Amino acid sequence: KLGERGRILIRASGTEPVIRVMAEAEDEALVNDTVETLAEAIRARAKVPA
C-alpha cells in the first residue's frame, strides 16, 4: 500500500507489554489508515480490546 517510498516497523517493547506500529510515507492519510489496519489485526490476534 505504501509503495516504494514508504516503510513500516512493527516491534514489541522490551520493557512493557506494548507492540509499536510505526509507518512513514508521503501520504499521511494512507499512513494513518495502514497503521490503524495493522493495529486492529494485532489486537484481534492478541484478543485485546480496542
C-alpha atoms as a PDB file:
ATOM      1  CA  LYS A   1       0.000   0.000   0.000  1.00  0.00           C
ATOM      2  CA  LEU A   2       2.718   2.490   0.885  1.00  0.00           C
ATOM      3  CA  GLY A   3       4.684   1.842  -2.275  1.00  0.00           C
ATOM      4  CA  GLU A   4       8.431   2.026  -2.628  1.00  0.00           C
ATOM      5  CA  ARG A   5       8.659   5.308  -0.714  1.00  0.00           C
ATOM      6  CA  GLY A   6       7.077   4.077   2.492  1.00  0.00           C
ATOM      7  CA  ARG A   7       8.061   1.751   5.281  1.00  0.00           C
ATOM      8  CA  ILE A   8       6.516   0.012   8.256  1.00  0.00           C
ATOM      9  CA  LEU A   9       8.081  -1.081  11.530  1.00  0.00           C
ATOM     10  CA  ILE A  10       6.284  -3.344  13.997  1.00  0.00           C
ATOM     11  CA  ARG A  11       8.106  -4.263  17.191  1.00  0.00           C
ATOM     12  CA  ALA A  12       7.416  -5.434  20.694  1.00  0.00           C
ATOM     13  CA  SER A  13       8.685  -3.334  23.569  1.00  0.00           C
ATOM     14  CA  GLY A  14      11.416  -4.930  25.605  1.00  0.00           C
ATOM     15  CA  THR A  15      10.283  -3.272  28.837  1.00  0.00           C
ATOM     16  CA  GLU A  16       6.475  -3.145  28.753  1.00  0.00           C
ATOM     17  CA  PRO A  17       3.567  -5.141  27.265  1.00  0.00           C
ATOM     18  CA  VAL A  18       3.289  -2.953  24.161  1.00  0.00           C
ATOM     19  CA  ILE A  19       3.597  -3.558  20.435  1.00  0.00           C
ATOM     20  CA  ARG A  20       4.554  -0.467  18.467  1.00  0.00           C
ATOM     21  CA  VAL A  21       3.308   0.050  14.912  1.00  0.00           C
ATOM     22  CA  MET A  22       5.124   2.809  13.042  1.00  0.00           C
ATOM     23  CA  ALA A  23       4.919   3.803   9.391  1.00  0.00           C
ATOM     24  CA  GLU A  24       6.047   6.599   7.146  1.00  0.00           C
ATOM     25  CA  ALA A  25       5.244   7.621   3.587  1.00  0.00           C
ATOM     26  CA  GLU A  26       4.402  10.710   1.584  1.00  0.00           C
ATOM     27  CA  ASP A  27       0.618  10.357   2.076  1.00  0.00           C
ATOM     28  CA  GLU A  28      -0.304  10.938   5.741  1.00  0.00           C
ATOM     29  CA  ALA A  29      -3.877   9.665   5.336  1.00  0.00           C
ATOM     30  CA  LEU A  30      -2.589   6.416   3.819  1.00  0.00           C
ATOM     31  CA  VAL A  31      -0.080   6.037   6.669  1.00  0.00           C
ATOM     32  CA  ASN A  32      -2.804   6.550   9.282  1.00  0.00           C
ATOM     33  CA  ASP A  33      -5.105   4.057   7.553  1.00  0.00           C
ATOM     34  CA  THR A  34      -2.321   1.488   7.232  1.00  0.00           C
ATOM     35  CA  VAL A  35      -1.265   1.801  10.881  1.00  0.00           C
ATOM     36  CA  GLU A  36      -4.872   1.502  12.082  1.00  0.00           C
ATOM     37  CA  THR A  37      -5.455  -1.580   9.914  1.00  0.00           C
ATOM     38  CA  LEU A  38      -2.309  -3.238  11.272  1.00  0.00           C
ATOM     39  CA  ALA A  39      -3.137  -2.281  14.869  1.00  0.00           C
ATOM     40  CA  GLU A  40      -6.639  -3.759  14.526  1.00  0.00           C
ATOM     41  CA  ALA A  41      -5.190  -7.009  13.159  1.00  0.00           C
ATOM     42  CA  ILE A  42      -2.688  -7.204  16.030  1.00  0.00           C
ATOM     43  CA  ARG A  43      -5.415  -6.508  18.618  1.00  0.00           C
ATOM     44  CA  ALA A  44      -7.653  -9.188  17.111  1.00  0.00           C
ATOM     45  CA  ARG A  45      -4.848 -11.739  17.058  1.00  0.00           C
ATOM     46  CA  ALA A  46      -3.871 -10.909  20.652  1.00  0.00           C
ATOM     47  CA  LYS A  47      -7.547 -10.711  21.710  1.00  0.00           C
ATOM     48  CA  VAL A  48      -7.044  -7.229  23.163  1.00  0.00           C
ATOM     49  CA  PRO A  49      -9.981  -4.779  23.284  1.00  0.00           C
ATOM     50  CA  ALA A  50      -9.659  -1.632  21.164  1.00  0.00           C
END
